[in-house]
PDB file of N, CA and C in Angstrom:
ATOM      1  N   MET A   1     -18.529  22.424  20.059  1.00  0.00           N
ATOM      2  CA  MET A   1     -17.529  21.606  19.505  1.00  0.00           C
ATOM      3  C   MET A   1     -16.509  21.547  20.311  1.00  0.00           C
ATOM      4  N   ARG A   2     -15.919  22.387  21.051  1.00  0.00           N
ATOM      5  CA  ARG A   2     -14.999  21.828  22.246  1.00  0.00           C
ATOM      6  C   ARG A   2     -15.276  20.950  23.238  1.00  0.00           C
ATOM      7  N   GLU A   3     -16.743  20.679  23.377  1.00  0.00           N
ATOM      8  CA  GLU A   3     -16.861  19.443  24.137  1.00  0.00           C
ATOM      9  C   GLU A   3     -16.814  18.268  23.435  1.00  0.00           C
ATOM     10  N   LEU A   4     -17.284  18.297  22.094  1.00  0.00           N
ATOM     11  CA  LEU A   4     -16.881  17.152  21.386  1.00  0.00           C
ATOM     12  C   LEU A   4     -15.821  16.728  20.972  1.00  0.00           C
ATOM     13  N   ILE A   5     -14.789  17.633  20.737  1.00  0.00           N
ATOM     14  CA  ILE A   5     -13.196  17.331  20.581  1.00  0.00           C
ATOM     15  C   ILE A   5     -12.962  16.748  22.025  1.00  0.00           C
ATOM     16  N   ALA A   6     -13.382  17.384  23.289  1.00  0.00           N
ATOM     17  CA  ALA A   6     -12.573  16.992  24.546  1.00  0.00           C
ATOM     18  C   ALA A   6     -13.338  15.296  24.680  1.00  0.00           C
ATOM     19  N   ARG A   7     -14.631  15.001  24.501  1.00  0.00           N
ATOM     20  CA  ARG A   7     -15.230  13.707  24.498  1.00  0.00           C
ATOM     21  C   ARG A   7     -14.440  12.680  23.619  1.00  0.00           C
ATOM     22  N   ILE A   8     -14.228  13.074  22.440  1.00  0.00           N
ATOM     23  CA  ILE A   8     -13.339  12.457  21.632  1.00  0.00           C
ATOM     24  C   ILE A   8     -11.978  11.931  22.089  1.00  0.00           C
ATOM     25  N   ARG A   9     -11.507  13.182  22.884  1.00  0.00           N
ATOM     26  CA  ARG A   9     -10.019  12.624  23.253  1.00  0.00           C
ATOM     27  C   ARG A   9     -10.176  12.057  24.558  1.00  0.00           C
ATOM     28  N   ALA A  10     -11.197  11.959  25.228  1.00  0.00           N
ATOM     29  CA  ALA A  10     -11.311  11.127  26.459  1.00  0.00           C
ATOM     30  C   ALA A  10     -11.444   9.555  25.893  1.00  0.00           C
ATOM     31  N   VAL A  11     -12.204   9.401  25.188  1.00  0.00           N
ATOM     32  CA  VAL A  11     -12.379   8.146  24.704  1.00  0.00           C
ATOM     33  C   VAL A  11     -11.181   7.446  24.071  1.00  0.00           C
ATOM     34  N   ALA A  12     -10.264   8.215  23.206  1.00  0.00           N
ATOM     35  CA  ALA A  12      -9.116   7.676  22.828  1.00  0.00           C
ATOM     36  C   ALA A  12      -8.204   7.497  23.780  1.00  0.00           C
ATOM     37  N   ARG A  13      -8.055   8.344  25.100  1.00  0.00           N
ATOM     38  CA  ARG A  13      -7.135   7.841  26.282  1.00  0.00           C
ATOM     39  C   ARG A  13      -7.777   6.524  26.709  1.00  0.00           C
ATOM     40  N   ARG A  14      -8.805   6.551  27.062  1.00  0.00           N
ATOM     41  CA  ARG A  14      -9.336   5.151  27.456  1.00  0.00           C
ATOM     42  C   ARG A  14      -8.941   3.774  26.676  1.00  0.00           C
ATOM     43  N   SER A  15      -9.216   4.033  25.484  1.00  0.00           N
ATOM     44  CA  SER A  15      -9.256   2.879  24.515  1.00  0.00           C
ATOM     45  C   SER A  15      -7.356   2.811  24.302  1.00  0.00           C
ATOM     46  N   GLU A  16      -6.528   3.583  24.625  1.00  0.00           N
ATOM     47  CA  GLU A  16      -4.981   2.910  24.311  1.00  0.00           C
ATOM     48  C   GLU A  16      -4.796   1.947  25.443  1.00  0.00           C
ATOM     49  N   GLU A  17      -3.871   1.158  24.807  1.00  0.00           N
ATOM     50  CA  GLU A  17      -3.442  -0.124  25.484  1.00  0.00           C
ATOM     51  C   GLU A  17      -2.522   0.592  26.459  1.00  0.00           C
ATOM     52  N   ARG A  18      -2.504   0.030  27.824  1.00  0.00           N
ATOM     53  CA  ARG A  18      -1.637   0.537  28.754  1.00  0.00           C
ATOM     54  C   ARG A  18      -1.114  -0.805  29.649  1.00  0.00           C
ATOM     55  N   LEU A  19       0.557  -0.256  30.054  1.00  0.00           N
ATOM     56  CA  LEU A  19       1.144  -1.113  30.814  1.00  0.00           C
ATOM     57  C   LEU A  19       0.268  -1.334  32.180  1.00  0.00           C
ATOM     58  N   PRO A  20       0.787  -2.280  32.964  1.00  0.00           N
ATOM     59  CA  PRO A  20       0.240  -2.473  34.602  1.00  0.00           C
ATOM     60  C   PRO A  20       0.229  -1.167  35.426  1.00  0.00           C
ATOM     61  N   ASP A  21       1.437  -0.607  34.946  1.00  0.00           N
ATOM     62  CA  ASP A  21       1.594   0.822  35.941  1.00  0.00           C
ATOM     63  C   ASP A  21       1.033   2.048  35.191  1.00  0.00           C
ATOM     64  N   GLY A  22       0.009   1.754  34.313  1.00  0.00           N
ATOM     65  CA  GLY A  22      -0.823   3.092  33.746  1.00  0.00           C
ATOM     66  C   GLY A  22      -0.141   3.707  32.781  1.00  0.00           C
ATOM     67  N   ARG A  23       1.113   3.303  32.106  1.00  0.00           N
ATOM     68  CA  ARG A  23       1.752   3.891  31.179  1.00  0.00           C
ATOM     69  C   ARG A  23       1.223   3.474  29.694  1.00  0.00           C
ATOM     70  N   PRO A  24       1.124   4.302  28.992  1.00  0.00           N
ATOM     71  CA  PRO A  24       0.726   3.553  27.464  1.00  0.00           C
ATOM     72  C   PRO A  24       1.725   2.736  27.032  1.00  0.00           C
ATOM     73  N   GLU A  25       1.382   1.533  26.476  1.00  0.00           N
ATOM     74  CA  GLU A  25       2.140   0.306  25.972  1.00  0.00           C
ATOM     75  C   GLU A  25       3.241   1.064  24.948  1.00  0.00           C
ATOM     76  N   ALA A  26       4.460   0.840  24.912  1.00  0.00           N
ATOM     77  CA  ALA A  26       5.306   1.178  23.934  1.00  0.00           C
ATOM     78  C   ALA A  26       4.616   0.364  22.449  1.00  0.00           C
ATOM     79  N   ASP A  27       4.922   1.464  21.460  1.00  0.00           N
ATOM     80  CA  ASP A  27       4.105   0.938  20.054  1.00  0.00           C
ATOM     81  C   ASP A  27       5.811   0.686  19.162  1.00  0.00           C
ATOM     82  N   ILE A  28       5.919  -0.637  19.223  1.00  0.00           N
ATOM     83  CA  ILE A  28       7.440  -0.994  18.574  1.00  0.00           C
ATOM     84  C   ILE A  28       7.023  -2.032  17.390  1.00  0.00           C
ATOM     85  N   SER A  29       7.759  -1.700  16.201  1.00  0.00           N
ATOM     86  CA  SER A  29       7.198  -2.638  15.064  1.00  0.00           C
ATOM     87  C   SER A  29       8.132  -3.816  14.862  1.00  0.00           C
ATOM     88  N   GLY A  30       9.208  -3.888  15.635  1.00  0.00           N
ATOM     89  CA  GLY A  30      10.228  -5.042  15.857  1.00  0.00           C
ATOM     90  C   GLY A  30      10.920  -5.173  14.811  1.00  0.00           C
ATOM     91  N   ASN A  31      11.536  -6.321  14.382  1.00  0.00           N
ATOM     92  CA  ASN A  31      12.291  -6.577  13.769  1.00  0.00           C
ATOM     93  C   ASN A  31      11.907  -7.092  12.161  1.00  0.00           C
ATOM     94  N   ILE A  32      12.202  -6.421  11.275  1.00  0.00           N
ATOM     95  CA  ILE A  32      11.794  -6.847   9.871  1.00  0.00           C
ATOM     96  C   ILE A  32      13.068  -6.907   9.033  1.00  0.00           C
ATOM     97  N   GLY A  33      13.494  -8.476   9.029  1.00  0.00           N
ATOM     98  CA  GLY A  33      14.858  -8.655   8.163  1.00  0.00           C
ATOM     99  C   GLY A  33      15.995  -8.020   8.466  1.00  0.00           C
ATOM    100  N   GLY A  34      16.399  -7.651   9.938  1.00  0.00           N
ATOM    101  CA  GLY A  34      17.400  -6.791  10.211  1.00  0.00           C
ATOM    102  C   GLY A  34      17.126  -5.353  10.481  1.00  0.00           C
ATOM    103  N   LEU A  35      15.984  -4.821  10.290  1.00  0.00           N
ATOM    104  CA  LEU A  35      15.478  -3.575  10.273  1.00  0.00           C
ATOM    105  C   LEU A  35      14.640  -3.525  11.510  1.00  0.00           C
ATOM    106  N   SER A  36      15.182  -2.617  12.584  1.00  0.00           N
ATOM    107  CA  SER A  36      14.569  -2.336  13.946  1.00  0.00           C
ATOM    108  C   SER A  36      13.880  -1.082  14.060  1.00  0.00           C
ATOM    109  N   ILE A  37      12.537  -0.983  14.389  1.00  0.00           N
ATOM    110  CA  ILE A  37      11.852   0.301  14.145  1.00  0.00           C
ATOM    111  C   ILE A  37      11.354   0.368  15.559  1.00  0.00           C
ATOM    112  N   ASP A  38      11.637   1.519  16.519  1.00  0.00           N
ATOM    113  CA  ASP A  38      11.111   1.833  17.923  1.00  0.00           C
ATOM    114  C   ASP A  38      10.514   3.018  17.787  1.00  0.00           C
ATOM    115  N   GLN A  39       8.904   3.174  17.620  1.00  0.00           N
ATOM    116  CA  GLN A  39       8.057   4.231  17.305  1.00  0.00           C
ATOM    117  C   GLN A  39       8.370   5.032  18.770  1.00  0.00           C
ATOM    118  N   ARG A  40       8.407   4.506  19.810  1.00  0.00           N
ATOM    119  CA  ARG A  40       8.182   5.216  21.094  1.00  0.00           C
ATOM    120  C   ARG A  40       9.646   6.150  21.360  1.00  0.00           C
ATOM    121  N   SER A  41      10.551   5.672  20.992  1.00  0.00           N
ATOM    122  CA  SER A  41      11.966   6.149  21.105  1.00  0.00           C
ATOM    123  C   SER A  41      12.468   7.191  19.728  1.00  0.00           C
ATOM    124  N   ARG A  42      11.648   6.570  18.809  1.00  0.00           N
ATOM    125  CA  ARG A  42      11.752   7.032  17.358  1.00  0.00           C
ATOM    126  C   ARG A  42      13.129   6.848  16.745  1.00  0.00           C
ATOM    127  N   ARG A  43      13.583   5.484  17.029  1.00  0.00           N
ATOM    128  CA  ARG A  43      14.897   5.100  16.550  1.00  0.00           C
ATOM    129  C   ARG A  43      14.756   3.918  15.492  1.00  0.00           C
ATOM    130  N   VAL A  44      15.969   4.058  14.666  1.00  0.00           N
ATOM    131  CA  VAL A  44      15.488   3.020  13.722  1.00  0.00           C
ATOM    132  C   VAL A  44      17.382   2.399  13.736  1.00  0.00           C
ATOM    133  N   ALA A  45      17.388   1.036  13.527  1.00  0.00           N
ATOM    134  CA  ALA A  45      18.367   0.171  13.478  1.00  0.00           C
ATOM    135  C   ALA A  45      18.259  -0.713  12.473  1.00  0.00           C
ATOM    136  N   LEU A  46      19.836  -0.705  11.775  1.00  0.00           N
ATOM    137  CA  LEU A  46      19.863  -1.789  10.619  1.00  0.00           C
ATOM    138  C   LEU A  46      20.864  -2.743  10.936  1.00  0.00           C
ATOM    139  N   ASP A  47      20.665  -4.128  11.216  1.00  0.00           N
ATOM    140  CA  ASP A  47      21.770  -4.889  11.729  1.00  0.00           C
ATOM    141  C   ASP A  47      22.567  -4.198  12.775  1.00  0.00           C
ATOM    142  N   GLY A  48      21.933  -3.642  13.871  1.00  0.00           N
ATOM    143  CA  GLY A  48      22.412  -3.176  15.061  1.00  0.00           C
ATOM    144  C   GLY A  48      23.185  -1.895  15.092  1.00  0.00           C
ATOM    145  N   ARG A  49      23.142  -1.322  13.729  1.00  0.00           N
ATOM    146  CA  ARG A  49      23.657  -0.011  13.419  1.00  0.00           C
ATOM    147  C   ARG A  49      22.476   1.067  13.275  1.00  0.00           C
ATOM    148  N   GLU A  50      22.721   2.153  14.221  1.00  0.00           N
ATOM    149  CA  GLU A  50      21.720   3.191  14.253  1.00  0.00           C
ATOM    150  C   GLU A  50      21.703   3.877  12.924  1.00  0.00           C
ATOM    151  N   VAL A  51      20.351   4.149  12.379  1.00  0.00           N
ATOM    152  CA  VAL A  51      20.119   4.978  11.315  1.00  0.00           C
ATOM    153  C   VAL A  51      19.397   6.347  11.456  1.00  0.00           C
ATOM    154  N   TYR A  52      19.949   7.334  11.167  1.00  0.00           N
ATOM    155  CA  TYR A  52      19.490   8.601  11.431  1.00  0.00           C
ATOM    156  C   TYR A  52      18.516   9.232  10.315  1.00  0.00           C
ATOM    157  N   LEU A  53      17.347   9.377  10.783  1.00  0.00           N
ATOM    158  CA  LEU A  53      16.192   9.937   9.666  1.00  0.00           C
ATOM    159  C   LEU A  53      15.549  11.017   9.957  1.00  0.00           C
ATOM    160  N   THR A  54      15.241  11.749   9.384  1.00  0.00           N
ATOM    161  CA  THR A  54      14.378  13.127   9.393  1.00  0.00           C
ATOM    162  C   THR A  54      12.970  12.744   9.994  1.00  0.00           C
ATOM    163  N   ALA A  55      12.367  13.501  10.544  1.00  0.00           N
ATOM    164  CA  ALA A  55      11.063  13.322  11.256  1.00  0.00           C
ATOM    165  C   ALA A  55      10.005  12.641  10.257  1.00  0.00           C
ATOM    166  N   LYS A  56       9.915  12.833   9.010  1.00  0.00           N
ATOM    167  CA  LYS A  56       8.782  12.855   8.233  1.00  0.00           C
ATOM    168  C   LYS A  56       9.857  11.368   7.521  1.00  0.00           C
ATOM    169  N   GLU A  57      10.925  11.123   7.313  1.00  0.00           N
ATOM    170  CA  GLU A  57      11.355   9.743   6.776  1.00  0.00           C
ATOM    171  C   GLU A  57      11.113   8.854   7.669  1.00  0.00           C
ATOM    172  N   PHE A  58      10.996   9.071   9.131  1.00  0.00           N
ATOM    173  CA  PHE A  58      10.735   8.074  10.020  1.00  0.00           C
ATOM    174  C   PHE A  58       9.542   7.877   9.881  1.00  0.00           C
ATOM    175  N   GLU A  59       8.636   8.785   9.959  1.00  0.00           N
ATOM    176  CA  GLU A  59       7.164   8.379   9.859  1.00  0.00           C
ATOM    177  C   GLU A  59       6.531   7.525   8.719  1.00  0.00           C
ATOM    178  N   LEU A  60       7.316   8.001   7.806  1.00  0.00           N
ATOM    179  CA  LEU A  60       7.550   7.154   6.059  1.00  0.00           C
ATOM    180  C   LEU A  60       7.620   5.549   6.588  1.00  0.00           C
ATOM    181  N   LEU A  61       8.848   5.659   6.913  1.00  0.00           N
ATOM    182  CA  LEU A  61       9.452   4.238   7.136  1.00  0.00           C
ATOM    183  C   LEU A  61       8.332   3.490   7.910  1.00  0.00           C
ATOM    184  N   TYR A  62       8.118   4.145   9.241  1.00  0.00           N
ATOM    185  CA  TYR A  62       7.114   3.245  10.278  1.00  0.00           C
ATOM    186  C   TYR A  62       6.012   2.871   9.451  1.00  0.00           C
ATOM    187  N   PHE A  63       5.269   3.837   8.696  1.00  0.00           N
ATOM    188  CA  PHE A  63       3.945   3.818   8.056  1.00  0.00           C
ATOM    189  C   PHE A  63       3.987   2.411   7.451  1.00  0.00           C
ATOM    190  N   LEU A  64       5.150   2.267   6.454  1.00  0.00           N
ATOM    191  CA  LEU A  64       5.362   1.165   5.657  1.00  0.00           C
ATOM    192  C   LEU A  64       5.567  -0.044   6.376  1.00  0.00           C
ATOM    193  N   ALA A  65       6.296  -0.156   7.398  1.00  0.00           N
ATOM    194  CA  ALA A  65       6.865  -1.112   8.336  1.00  0.00           C
ATOM    195  C   ALA A  65       5.399  -1.644   9.128  1.00  0.00           C
ATOM    196  N   ALA A  66       4.394  -0.962   9.197  1.00  0.00           N
ATOM    197  CA  ALA A  66       2.973  -1.570   9.877  1.00  0.00           C
ATOM    198  C   ALA A  66       2.738  -2.786   9.219  1.00  0.00           C
ATOM    199  N   ASP A  67       3.022  -2.838   7.765  1.00  0.00           N
ATOM    200  CA  ASP A  67       2.233  -3.681   6.913  1.00  0.00           C
ATOM    201  C   ASP A  67       3.461  -4.357   5.920  1.00  0.00           C
ATOM    202  N   PRO A  68       4.441  -4.906   6.312  1.00  0.00           N
ATOM    203  CA  PRO A  68       5.594  -5.174   5.219  1.00  0.00           C
ATOM    204  C   PRO A  68       4.987  -5.965   4.138  1.00  0.00           C
ATOM    205  N   GLY A  69       5.519  -5.501   2.986  1.00  0.00           N
ATOM    206  CA  GLY A  69       4.762  -6.464   1.815  1.00  0.00           C
ATOM    207  C   GLY A  69       3.459  -5.680   1.203  1.00  0.00           C
ATOM    208  N   ALA A  70       2.902  -5.095   1.853  1.00  0.00           N
ATOM    209  CA  ALA A  70       1.853  -4.248   1.344  1.00  0.00           C
ATOM    210  C   ALA A  70       1.881  -3.417   0.493  1.00  0.00           C
ATOM    211  N   VAL A  71       1.320  -3.087  -0.340  1.00  0.00           N
ATOM    212  CA  VAL A  71       1.494  -1.833  -1.394  1.00  0.00           C
ATOM    213  C   VAL A  71       0.582  -0.716  -0.985  1.00  0.00           C
ATOM    214  N   PHE A  72       1.297   0.493  -0.700  1.00  0.00           N
ATOM    215  CA  PHE A  72       0.651   1.657  -0.296  1.00  0.00           C
ATOM    216  C   PHE A  72       0.517   2.800  -1.634  1.00  0.00           C
ATOM    217  N   GLU A  73      -0.622   3.281  -2.195  1.00  0.00           N
ATOM    218  CA  GLU A  73      -0.477   4.360  -2.801  1.00  0.00           C
ATOM    219  C   GLU A  73       0.115   5.493  -2.641  1.00  0.00           C
ATOM    220  N   ARG A  74       0.633   6.236  -3.401  1.00  0.00           N
ATOM    221  CA  ARG A  74       1.275   7.757  -2.853  1.00  0.00           C
ATOM    222  C   ARG A  74       0.041   8.557  -2.214  1.00  0.00           C
ATOM    223  N   ARG A  75      -1.120   8.640  -2.790  1.00  0.00           N
ATOM    224  CA  ARG A  75      -2.037   9.492  -1.919  1.00  0.00           C
ATOM    225  C   ARG A  75      -2.354   9.049  -0.337  1.00  0.00           C
ATOM    226  N   GLU A  76      -2.531   7.598  -0.190  1.00  0.00           N
ATOM    227  CA  GLU A  76      -2.653   6.819   1.102  1.00  0.00           C
ATOM    228  C   GLU A  76      -1.452   7.270   1.783  1.00  0.00           C
ATOM    229  N   ILE A  77      -0.375   7.266   1.433  1.00  0.00           N
ATOM    230  CA  ILE A  77       0.992   7.711   2.064  1.00  0.00           C
ATOM    231  C   ILE A  77       0.705   9.193   2.559  1.00  0.00           C
ATOM    232  N   LEU A  78       0.587   9.825   1.684  1.00  0.00           N
ATOM    233  CA  LEU A  78       0.163  11.309   1.883  1.00  0.00           C
ATOM    234  C   LEU A  78      -0.687  11.682   3.108  1.00  0.00           C
ATOM    235  N   ARG A  79      -1.801  10.923   2.988  1.00  0.00           N
ATOM    236  CA  ARG A  79      -2.717  11.326   4.069  1.00  0.00           C
ATOM    237  C   ARG A  79      -2.247  10.626   5.386  1.00  0.00           C
ATOM    238  N   ALA A  80      -1.860   9.452   5.357  1.00  0.00           N
ATOM    239  CA  ALA A  80      -1.206   8.836   6.632  1.00  0.00           C
ATOM    240  C   ALA A  80      -0.107   9.664   7.374  1.00  0.00           C
ATOM    241  N   VAL A  81       0.809   9.895   6.354  1.00  0.00           N
ATOM    242  CA  VAL A  81       2.396  10.546   7.059  1.00  0.00           C
ATOM    243  C   VAL A  81       1.982  12.366   7.269  1.00  0.00           C
ATOM    244  N   TRP A  82       1.393  12.574   6.070  1.00  0.00           N
ATOM    245  CA  TRP A  82       1.459  14.193   6.172  1.00  0.00           C
ATOM    246  C   TRP A  82      -0.197  14.615   6.601  1.00  0.00           C
ATOM    247  N   ASP A  83      -0.653  13.891   7.497  1.00  0.00           N
ATOM    248  CA  ASP A  83      -2.145  13.983   7.978  1.00  0.00           C
ATOM    249  C   ASP A  83      -2.968  14.958   7.053  1.00  0.00           C
ATOM    250  N   GLY A  84      -2.936  14.527   5.771  1.00  0.00           N
ATOM    251  CA  GLY A  84      -4.090  15.043   4.928  1.00  0.00           C
ATOM    252  C   GLY A  84      -3.421  16.452   4.277  1.00  0.00           C
ATOM    253  N   ASP A  85      -2.610  17.166   5.170  1.00  0.00           N
ATOM    254  CA  ASP A  85      -2.382  18.480   4.965  1.00  0.00           C
ATOM    255  C   ASP A  85      -1.548  19.013   3.949  1.00  0.00           C
ATOM    256  N   TRP A  86      -1.067  17.976   3.016  1.00  0.00           N
ATOM    257  CA  TRP A  86      -0.099  18.241   2.033  1.00  0.00           C
ATOM    258  C   TRP A  86      -1.281  18.602   0.764  1.00  0.00           C
ATOM    259  N   TYR A  87      -0.861  19.700   0.271  1.00  0.00           N
ATOM    260  CA  TYR A  87      -1.688  20.146  -1.108  1.00  0.00           C
ATOM    261  C   TYR A  87      -0.737  20.231  -2.336  1.00  0.00           C
ATOM    262  N   GLY A  88       0.624  19.956  -2.234  1.00  0.00           N
ATOM    263  CA  GLY A  88       1.518  19.920  -3.387  1.00  0.00           C
ATOM    264  C   GLY A  88       1.480  18.657  -4.104  1.00  0.00           C
ATOM    265  N   THR A  89       2.638  18.440  -4.982  1.00  0.00           N
ATOM    266  CA  THR A  89       2.553  17.404  -5.372  1.00  0.00           C
ATOM    267  C   THR A  89       2.838  15.926  -4.794  1.00  0.00           C
ATOM    268  N   THR A  90       2.822  14.792  -5.375  1.00  0.00           N
ATOM    269  CA  THR A  90       2.539  13.757  -4.540  1.00  0.00           C
ATOM    270  C   THR A  90       4.308  13.012  -4.815  1.00  0.00           C
ATOM    271  N   LYS A  91       5.075  13.867  -5.590  1.00  0.00           N
ATOM    272  CA  LYS A  91       6.531  13.299  -5.855  1.00  0.00           C
ATOM    273  C   LYS A  91       7.132  13.917  -4.550  1.00  0.00           C
ATOM    274  N   THR A  92       6.834  14.482  -3.482  1.00  0.00           N
ATOM    275  CA  THR A  92       7.368  14.733  -2.172  1.00  0.00           C
ATOM    276  C   THR A  92       7.631  13.255  -1.559  1.00  0.00           C
ATOM    277  N   VAL A  93       6.495  12.403  -1.916  1.00  0.00           N
ATOM    278  CA  VAL A  93       6.731  10.989  -1.233  1.00  0.00           C
ATOM    279  C   VAL A  93       7.962  10.531  -1.906  1.00  0.00           C
ATOM    280  N   ASP A  94       8.144  10.654  -3.129  1.00  0.00           N
ATOM    281  CA  ASP A  94       9.260   9.787  -4.015  1.00  0.00           C
ATOM    282  C   ASP A  94      10.582  10.504  -3.343  1.00  0.00           C
ATOM    283  N   ALA A  95      10.664  11.866  -3.136  1.00  0.00           N
ATOM    284  CA  ALA A  95      11.685  12.335  -2.410  1.00  0.00           C
ATOM    285  C   ALA A  95      12.207  11.771  -1.154  1.00  0.00           C
ATOM    286  N   HIS A  96      11.365  11.620  -0.396  1.00  0.00           N
ATOM    287  CA  HIS A  96      11.559  10.997   1.003  1.00  0.00           C
ATOM    288  C   HIS A  96      11.772   9.528   0.754  1.00  0.00           C
ATOM    289  N   ILE A  97      11.108   8.717   0.046  1.00  0.00           N
ATOM    290  CA  ILE A  97      11.624   7.350  -0.399  1.00  0.00           C
ATOM    291  C   ILE A  97      12.957   7.311  -0.541  1.00  0.00           C
ATOM    292  N   ALA A  98      13.277   7.970  -1.452  1.00  0.00           N
ATOM    293  CA  ALA A  98      14.932   8.228  -1.827  1.00  0.00           C
ATOM    294  C   ALA A  98      15.682   8.347  -0.603  1.00  0.00           C
ATOM    295  N   GLY A  99      15.401   9.531   0.143  1.00  0.00           N
ATOM    296  CA  GLY A  99      16.323   9.507   1.497  1.00  0.00           C
ATOM    297  C   GLY A  99      16.104   8.365   2.162  1.00  0.00           C
ATOM    298  N   ASN A 100      15.047   7.866   2.375  1.00  0.00           N
ATOM    299  CA  ASN A 100      15.370   6.633   3.116  1.00  0.00           C
ATOM    300  C   ASN A 100      15.985   5.346   2.509  1.00  0.00           C
ATOM    301  N   ARG A 101      15.953   5.197   1.326  1.00  0.00           N
ATOM    302  CA  ARG A 101      16.808   4.126   0.566  1.00  0.00           C
ATOM    303  C   ARG A 101      18.106   4.521   0.718  1.00  0.00           C
ATOM    304  N   LYS A 102      18.696   5.632   0.549  1.00  0.00           N
ATOM    305  CA  LYS A 102      19.958   6.050   0.667  1.00  0.00           C
ATOM    306  C   LYS A 102      20.398   5.644   2.126  1.00  0.00           C
ATOM    307  N   LYS A 103      19.662   6.296   3.137  1.00  0.00           N
ATOM    308  CA  LYS A 103      20.090   5.939   4.598  1.00  0.00           C
ATOM    309  C   LYS A 103      20.163   4.423   4.829  1.00  0.00           C
ATOM    310  N   LEU A 104      19.071   3.627   4.116  1.00  0.00           N
ATOM    311  CA  LEU A 104      19.142   2.603   4.510  1.00  0.00           C
ATOM    312  C   LEU A 104      20.183   1.711   3.661  1.00  0.00           C
ATOM    313  N   GLY A 105      20.874   2.052   2.787  1.00  0.00           N
ATOM    314  CA  GLY A 105      21.839   1.697   2.143  1.00  0.00           C
ATOM    315  C   GLY A 105      21.722   0.673   1.058  1.00  0.00           C
ATOM    316  N   ASP A 106      20.500   0.269   0.815  1.00  0.00           N
ATOM    317  CA  ASP A 106      19.678  -0.695  -0.290  1.00  0.00           C
ATOM    318  C   ASP A 106      18.543  -0.129  -0.903  1.00  0.00           C
ATOM    319  N   PRO A 107      18.511   0.181  -2.189  1.00  0.00           N
ATOM    320  CA  PRO A 107      17.309   0.756  -2.424  1.00  0.00           C
ATOM    321  C   PRO A 107      16.044  -0.438  -2.534  1.00  0.00           C
ATOM    322  N   ARG A 108      16.305  -1.613  -2.141  1.00  0.00           N
ATOM    323  CA  ARG A 108      15.402  -2.755  -2.504  1.00  0.00           C
ATOM    324  C   ARG A 108      14.638  -2.810  -0.879  1.00  0.00           C
ATOM    325  N   TRP A 109      14.832  -1.748  -0.210  1.00  0.00           N
ATOM    326  CA  TRP A 109      14.412  -2.184   1.491  1.00  0.00           C
ATOM    327  C   TRP A 109      12.714  -1.384   0.961  1.00  0.00           C
ATOM    328  N   ILE A 110      12.875  -0.340   0.247  1.00  0.00           N
ATOM    329  CA  ILE A 110      11.611   0.428  -0.204  1.00  0.00           C
ATOM    330  C   ILE A 110      11.424   0.156  -1.860  1.00  0.00           C
ATOM    331  N   GLU A 111      10.126  -0.757  -2.137  1.00  0.00           N
ATOM    332  CA  GLU A 111      10.096  -1.103  -3.580  1.00  0.00           C
ATOM    333  C   GLU A 111       8.980  -0.361  -4.048  1.00  0.00           C
ATOM    334  N   ALA A 112       9.401   0.313  -5.109  1.00  0.00           N
ATOM    335  CA  ALA A 112       8.259   0.858  -6.360  1.00  0.00           C
ATOM    336  C   ALA A 112       7.409  -0.185  -6.943  1.00  0.00           C
ATOM    337  N   VAL A 113       6.494   0.103  -7.125  1.00  0.00           N
ATOM    338  CA  VAL A 113       5.471  -0.772  -7.717  1.00  0.00           C
ATOM    339  C   VAL A 113       4.581  -0.033  -8.663  1.00  0.00           C
ATOM    340  N   ARG A 114       5.138  -0.180  -9.768  1.00  0.00           N
ATOM    341  CA  ARG A 114       4.943   0.680 -11.066  1.00  0.00           C
ATOM    342  C   ARG A 114       3.180   1.037 -11.254  1.00  0.00           C
ATOM    343  N   GLY A 115       3.060   2.010 -11.317  1.00  0.00           N
ATOM    344  CA  GLY A 115       1.485   2.751 -11.374  1.00  0.00           C
ATOM    345  C   GLY A 115       0.858   2.613 -10.138  1.00  0.00           C
ATOM    346  N   VAL A 116       1.492   2.066  -8.812  1.00  0.00           N
ATOM    347  CA  VAL A 116       0.688   1.823  -7.759  1.00  0.00           C
ATOM    348  C   VAL A 116       1.100   2.734  -6.660  1.00  0.00           C
ATOM    349  N   GLY A 117       2.267   2.192  -6.312  1.00  0.00           N
ATOM    350  CA  GLY A 117       2.926   3.084  -5.233  1.00  0.00           C
ATOM    351  C   GLY A 117       4.125   2.429  -4.765  1.00  0.00           C
ATOM    352  N   PHE A 118       4.060   2.113  -2.965  1.00  0.00           N
ATOM    353  CA  PHE A 118       5.188   1.685  -2.891  1.00  0.00           C
ATOM    354  C   PHE A 118       5.282   0.490  -1.700  1.00  0.00           C
ATOM    355  N   ARG A 119       6.084  -0.217  -1.365  1.00  0.00           N
ATOM    356  CA  ARG A 119       5.812  -1.588  -0.031  1.00  0.00           C
ATOM    357  C   ARG A 119       7.240  -1.594   0.318  1.00  0.00           C
ATOM    358  N   LEU A 120       7.319  -2.017   1.729  1.00  0.00           N
ATOM    359  CA  LEU A 120       8.457  -2.237   2.199  1.00  0.00           C
ATOM    360  C   LEU A 120       9.038  -3.716   2.131  1.00  0.00           C
ATOM    361  N   GLY A 121      10.099  -4.125   1.459  1.00  0.00           N
ATOM    362  CA  GLY A 121      10.399  -5.204   0.934  1.00  0.00           C
ATOM    363  C   GLY A 121      11.903  -5.510   1.728  1.00  0.00           C
ATOM    364  N   VAL A 122      12.251  -6.479   1.878  1.00  0.00           N
ATOM    365  CA  VAL A 122      13.521  -7.179   2.454  1.00  0.00           C
ATOM    366  C   VAL A 122      14.634  -7.554   1.860  1.00  0.00           C
ATOM    367  N   PRO A 123      15.377  -6.907   1.353  1.00  0.00           N
ATOM    368  CA  PRO A 123      16.545  -7.380   0.523  1.00  0.00           C
ATOM    369  C   PRO A 123      16.990  -8.788   0.805  1.00  0.00           C
ATOM    370  N   GLY A 124      17.689  -9.417  -0.246  1.00  0.00           N
ATOM    371  CA  GLY A 124      18.223 -10.530   0.015  1.00  0.00           C
ATOM    372  C   GLY A 124      18.059 -11.671  -1.051  1.00  0.00           C
TER     373      GLY A 124
END
């Protein structure tokens, strides 16, 4: 089992995109309607003003920002952000969404799609 894990990690390292000097390429979502997310430094800014998020709030926002406008189900969000290790209620997603909405200053940033899940939107 250890050898299998070591081989998987080696393949993952080789497949990472790298800069010419050998460092992994920064994974940056860029700007989405004034919202800037930098995964490498784990910083979020809205219209140039830094937004301070908890670790899970950041991971949740980053996950939604990977495909703006796409709707993600609560279970899909739990699997991606909580690594499938969450066995409680799916309402934890709602609580973290509420925290993100409050910190972003406009609840329209993260839209609820009734009966399905959530999507990142751009207020306007």
